[in-house]
C-alpha atoms as a PDB file:
ATOM      1  CA  ALA A   1     103.501  58.644  84.893  1.00  0.00           C
ATOM      2  CA  GLY A   2     106.994  60.086  85.421  1.00  0.00           C
ATOM      3  CA  VAL A   3     105.847  63.468  86.784  1.00  0.00           C
ATOM      4  CA  ARG A   4     107.460  64.335  90.114  1.00  0.00           C
ATOM      5  CA  TYR A   5     105.902  67.765  90.732  1.00  0.00           C
ATOM      6  CA  GLN A   6     103.458  70.086  88.996  1.00  0.00           C
ATOM      7  CA  TYR A   7     103.735  73.828  89.609  1.00  0.00           C
ATOM      8  CA  SER A   8     100.871  76.268  89.245  1.00  0.00           C
ATOM      9  CA  LEU A   9     100.849  80.057  89.522  1.00  0.00           C
ATOM     10  CA  GLY A  10      98.196  81.407  91.855  1.00  0.00           C
ATOM     11  CA  GLU A  11      97.988  85.108  92.611  1.00  0.00           C
ATOM     12  CA  LEU A  12     100.224  87.662  90.908  1.00  0.00           C
ATOM     13  CA  THR A  13     100.359  91.315  91.794  1.00  0.00           C
ATOM     14  CA  ARG A  14     102.603  94.183  90.851  1.00  0.00           C
ATOM     15  CA  GLU A  15     103.511  97.474  92.437  1.00  0.00           C
ATOM     16  CA  CYS A  16     104.609 100.309  90.171  1.00  0.00           C
ATOM     17  CA  ILE A  17     105.743 103.538  91.791  1.00  0.00           C
ATOM     18  CA  GLY A  18     106.780 106.644  89.840  1.00  0.00           C
ATOM     19  CA  THR A  19     109.820 108.413  91.275  1.00  0.00           C
ATOM     20  CA  HIS A  20     110.993 111.998  91.082  1.00  0.00           C
ATOM     21  CA  ALA A  21     113.970 110.769  89.068  1.00  0.00           C
ATOM     22  CA  GLY A  22     111.700 109.998  86.082  1.00  0.00           C
ATOM     23  CA  GLN A  23     111.623 106.260  86.721  1.00  0.00           C
ATOM     24  CA  ILE A  24     109.097 103.599  87.605  1.00  0.00           C
ATOM     25  CA  GLU A  25     110.055 101.158  90.339  1.00  0.00           C
ATOM     26  CA  ILE A  26     108.413  97.771  89.759  1.00  0.00           C
ATOM     27  CA  ARG A  27     108.021  94.880  92.211  1.00  0.00           C
ATOM     28  CA  VAL A  28     106.095  91.666  91.578  1.00  0.00           C
ATOM     29  CA  GLY A  29     104.366  89.488  94.184  1.00  0.00           C
ATOM     30  CA  ILE A  30     104.118  85.804  93.259  1.00  0.00           C
ATOM     31  CA  SER A  31     102.250  82.945  94.899  1.00  0.00           C
ATOM     32  CA  GLY A  32     101.418  79.474  93.727  1.00  0.00           C
ATOM     33  CA  TYR A  33     100.988  75.800  94.407  1.00  0.00           C
ATOM     34  CA  VAL A  34     103.005  72.665  93.912  1.00  0.00           C
ATOM     35  CA  LEU A  35     101.408  69.226  93.642  1.00  0.00           C
ATOM     36  CA  ALA A  36     103.225  65.935  94.024  1.00  0.00           C
ATOM     37  CA  GLY A  37     102.933  63.761  90.927  1.00  0.00           C
ATOM     38  CA  PRO A  38     102.987  59.964  90.745  1.00  0.00           C
ATOM     39  CA  THR A  39     106.764  59.852  91.362  1.00  0.00           C
ATOM     40  CA  GLY A  40     106.877  62.884  93.704  1.00  0.00           C
ATOM     41  CA  ALA A  41     107.390  62.772  97.442  1.00  0.00           C
ATOM     42  CA  SER A  42     107.215  65.057 100.457  1.00  0.00           C
ATOM     43  CA  GLY A  43     110.201  67.270 101.157  1.00  0.00           C
ATOM     44  CA  SER A  44     111.696  70.714 100.591  1.00  0.00           C
ATOM     45  CA  PHE A  45     112.826  72.100  97.249  1.00  0.00           C
ATOM     46  CA  ASN A  46     112.885  75.280  95.138  1.00  0.00           C
ATOM     47  CA  VAL A  47     110.399  76.404  92.481  1.00  0.00           C
ATOM     48  CA  PRO A  48     112.193  78.170  89.565  1.00  0.00           C
ATOM     49  CA  VAL A  49     110.183  81.301  88.666  1.00  0.00           C
ATOM     50  CA  LYS A  50     111.285  83.877  86.081  1.00  0.00           C
ATOM     51  CA  VAL A  51     110.136  87.522  86.042  1.00  0.00           C
ATOM     52  CA  VAL A  52     110.673  89.478  82.822  1.00  0.00           C
ATOM     53  CA  VAL A  53     110.013  93.190  82.179  1.00  0.00           C
ATOM     54  CA  ARG A  54     109.677  94.197  78.511  1.00  0.00           C
ATOM     55  CA  ASN A  55     109.608  97.639  76.911  1.00  0.00           C
ATOM     56  CA  ASP A  56     106.477  97.425  74.744  1.00  0.00           C
ATOM     57  CA  ASN A  57     107.586 100.231  72.419  1.00  0.00           C
ATOM     58  CA  THR A  58     110.815  98.518  71.363  1.00  0.00           C
ATOM     59  CA  GLN A  59     109.870  94.927  72.280  1.00  0.00           C
ATOM     60  CA  GLN A  60     113.193  94.740  74.154  1.00  0.00           C
ATOM     61  CA  ILE A  61     113.632  92.891  77.441  1.00  0.00           C
ATOM     62  CA  VAL A  62     114.846  95.403  80.043  1.00  0.00           C
ATOM     63  CA  SER A  63     115.061  93.007  82.991  1.00  0.00           C
ATOM     64  CA  THR A  64     115.005  89.267  83.535  1.00  0.00           C
ATOM     65  CA  ARG A  65     115.504  87.551  86.850  1.00  0.00           C
ATOM     66  CA  THR A  66     115.064  83.961  87.951  1.00  0.00           C
ATOM     67  CA  TYR A  67     114.071  83.257  91.538  1.00  0.00           C
ATOM     68  CA  ARG A  68     114.426  79.925  93.286  1.00  0.00           C
ATOM     69  CA  ILE A  69     111.455  80.115  95.653  1.00  0.00           C
ATOM     70  CA  PRO A  70     111.622  77.665  98.562  1.00  0.00           C
ATOM     71  CA  THR A  71     108.624  75.422  99.178  1.00  0.00           C
ATOM     72  CA  ALA A  72     107.838  72.171 100.905  1.00  0.00           C
ATOM     73  CA  ILE A  73     105.344  69.358 100.795  1.00  0.00           C
ATOM     74  CA  ALA A  74     104.805  68.075 104.322  1.00  0.00           C
ATOM     75  CA  SER A  75     104.962  64.379 105.089  1.00  0.00           C
ATOM     76  CA  GLY A  76     101.627  62.750 104.308  1.00  0.00           C
ATOM     77  CA  GLU A  77     100.515  65.701 102.146  1.00  0.00           C
ATOM     78  CA  THR A  78     100.290  65.944  98.354  1.00  0.00           C
ATOM     79  CA  GLN A  79     100.613  69.704  97.892  1.00  0.00           C
ATOM     80  CA  GLY A  80     102.379  72.814  99.139  1.00  0.00           C
ATOM     81  CA  THR A  81     102.418  76.544  98.481  1.00  0.00           C
ATOM     82  CA  PHE A  82     105.072  79.117  97.636  1.00  0.00           C
ATOM     83  CA  GLU A  83     105.280  82.917  97.645  1.00  0.00           C
ATOM     84  CA  ALA A  84     107.853  85.639  97.074  1.00  0.00           C
ATOM     85  CA  VAL A  85     108.267  89.304  96.191  1.00  0.00           C
ATOM     86  CA  SER A  86     110.717  90.199  93.428  1.00  0.00           C
ATOM     87  CA  ASP A  87     113.572  92.627  93.711  1.00  0.00           C
ATOM     88  CA  THR A  88     112.791  96.185  92.608  1.00  0.00           C
ATOM     89  CA  VAL A  89     113.380  96.914  88.920  1.00  0.00           C
ATOM     90  CA  ALA A  90     113.748 100.596  87.969  1.00  0.00           C
ATOM     91  CA  VAL A  91     112.837 101.567  84.402  1.00  0.00           C
ATOM     92  CA  PRO A  92     112.543 105.023  82.800  1.00  0.00           C
ATOM     93  CA  ILE A  93     109.150 106.661  82.312  1.00  0.00           C
ATOM     94  CA  LEU A  94     108.789 106.862  78.525  1.00  0.00           C
ATOM     95  CA  SER A  95     105.472 108.673  78.091  1.00  0.00           C
ATOM     96  CA  ASP A  96     102.497 110.207  79.863  1.00  0.00           C
ATOM     97  CA  ASN A  97     100.829 106.788  79.568  1.00  0.00           C
ATOM     98  CA  ALA A  98     103.600 104.977  81.416  1.00  0.00           C
ATOM     99  CA  ASP A  99     101.245 102.110  82.292  1.00  0.00           C
ATOM    100  CA  GLU A 100     101.329 101.184  78.599  1.00  0.00           C
ATOM    101  CA  ASP A 101     105.120 101.350  78.227  1.00  0.00           C
ATOM    102  CA  TYR A 102     106.033  98.026  79.870  1.00  0.00           C
ATOM    103  CA  SER A 103     104.702  94.492  80.267  1.00  0.00           C
ATOM    104  CA  ILE A 104     105.592  92.088  83.051  1.00  0.00           C
ATOM    105  CA  TYR A 105     105.755  88.344  82.387  1.00  0.00           C
ATOM    106  CA  VAL A 106     105.918  85.680  85.071  1.00  0.00           C
ATOM    107  CA  GLY A 107     106.497  82.012  84.311  1.00  0.00           C
ATOM    108  CA  PHE A 108     108.402  78.928  85.280  1.00  0.00           C
ATOM    109  CA  ASP A 109     112.054  78.802  84.298  1.00  0.00           C
ATOM    110  CA  ASN A 110     113.003  75.904  82.035  1.00  0.00           C
ATOM    111  CA  GLY A 111     116.555  75.671  83.365  1.00  0.00           C
ATOM    112  CA  GLN A 112     118.195  77.257  80.308  1.00  0.00           C
ATOM    113  CA  PRO A 113     120.527  80.273  80.593  1.00  0.00           C
ATOM    114  CA  ASP A 114     118.691  83.599  80.686  1.00  0.00           C
ATOM    115  CA  GLN A 115     117.634  84.545  77.173  1.00  0.00           C
ATOM    116  CA  PRO A 116     115.901  87.739  76.006  1.00  0.00           C
ATOM    117  CA  ARG A 117     112.586  85.950  75.498  1.00  0.00           C
ATOM    118  CA  GLN A 118     109.300  85.532  77.284  1.00  0.00           C
ATOM    119  CA  PRO A 119     109.076  82.695  79.829  1.00  0.00           C
ATOM    120  CA  ARG A 120     106.817  79.716  79.228  1.00  0.00           C
ATOM    121  CA  ASN A 121     103.547  79.263  81.143  1.00  0.00           C
ATOM    122  CA  GLN A 122     103.231  82.987  81.605  1.00  0.00           C
ATOM    123  CA  ARG A 123     100.763  85.493  82.855  1.00  0.00           C
ATOM    124  CA  ARG A 124     101.033  88.959  81.402  1.00  0.00           C
ATOM    125  CA  ARG A 125     100.599  92.054  83.550  1.00  0.00           C
ATOM    126  CA  ARG A 126     100.842  95.641  82.414  1.00  0.00           C
ATOM    127  CA  ALA A 127     103.133  97.885  84.448  1.00  0.00           C
END
């Protein structure tokens, strides 16, 4: 009964480009929906989305970034949408099967300081 807003991830896509410098440049496209709950209202606010890149060989987090994606629910409406493209993350190519070297996690940030862990409510994408 006390829910103000409910976020939902929609489409996720990633772009991974190998460079001549022996790196992969990764960008993530994010879109989703926000629904007003029983105590929610129309207006503008930010959706906290975290993007994490993990080295699958070492299980180490190599990049974590939280984005505050602007969205709005128009007056008289009960839902809105959001979308963004992440900053580019450059990681080294580790093997001939570079698409198996990294995983990308996208989820909603819980408001805690960045920790080397996977975000909650995630979708996993291979680099």
